[in-house]
Amino acid sequence: MTAEFIKCHGSGNGFVMVDAVAEPMLATCDLASLSRAACERERGIGADGLLVLVRNTEGVFGMRMLNPDGSEAEMCGNGIRCIARLAAERYLHCDNFTLTSGGGIYPTRHAEDIFPAVPTFGSTIGVRLWSDDFRMQQSEAGDHIDRVIPELHHSLRWTAICVGNPHIVARVERIDLALLAELGERVTTLKEVFPNGVNVSLVEVRSRNTIFVATFERGAGITPSCGTAMTSSATAMALLGECDYEQVIDVLNRGGKVQCVCSKSDGLQTTLIGNATYVSAGRLTMEGGAFSYVEEQVFDAENEAWSRFTESLDNNL
């Protein structure tokens, strides 16, 4: 099997992206093995996940996202922006459309550039405060907002949010990546609390409507950023009164920055806005378990624009 690929990123969260609409054999291949091989950083292309553009029988475009370990995620906030760009440029040729992922439906738009020459898209993500993925003690309202999870940590106060995949978010005075790694590893042992695992985020409130987020992603570990985690973190801070509804929240991360707008006007939902940057493109081959690829194009102008953007940010821990 050979296929075209695009190496891309959303807020520094890197992906290998393929188009199963143009190359239908991708829909029937072993995507878990392809993800493990393509994301491998020494022998593969190197990425935080594999994105697959698909189209259902009703003609609606969507995303499948696989982690570097081959597991499939229900949703990826950084990835869906890259898929949105590919679908818009190749097939849809419009600024407003709908995408699917993991059974969810996501209104999506081509947004104003977050920085000059940085292609930008936004997706609106419905938010739930309950999920079968959460088995810890909840409040009488059935949610878990600003509450300790003693099995995980004795004092951190967590807010549990589902945005297509499960997240827990805790505010801290300063993010400690060693602690984050410890927490991320610990949740994998707490099957009675998180039967399907969970994404773990720590949040610094830098100022009103400006936060910094670091995340241990289920199936991937600590990555430069995680779109659904930034969505969940912005929503959690709005729930706690640290950020404002209906206002732009700047969400910094080690990979760059996105913007979130949280709303309660039509049910709890948050729009995630950020870059969809192409890094390079080429063709990959998977044959008999052996993986190889050839890079044929580098998107120098986009990479330079993204570098100028990140240099303008104060996104140090």
Foldseek 3Di string as FASTA:
>chain_A
DKFKWFWWWWLQQIEIEGECVVVVVVVVDLVLLVLLQQCDDPRHVHGQWYWYWDADPVGAIEIWIAGNNSHTAQDFQTVVFLSVVVCCVPPVVAFWDWYHGNRDIWTKGFDDAPFPPFGKMKTKFAKDQADPQFQADPDPVRGQAQCDRCQQPNDWGWGWMCRSFTEIETEDQDDDLVSQQVSQVSQVVPCNGGVPGYKYKYWHLPAALEIEIWIQDVRRGTGQDTRVHQQVHSLSCCVVVSYDAQDWRWYATNSAIWIKHWDPPPHTMIMIMTGIATAWMWMWDADPSDIDIDTDGGPVVNVVRSVVRRVPDPRDD
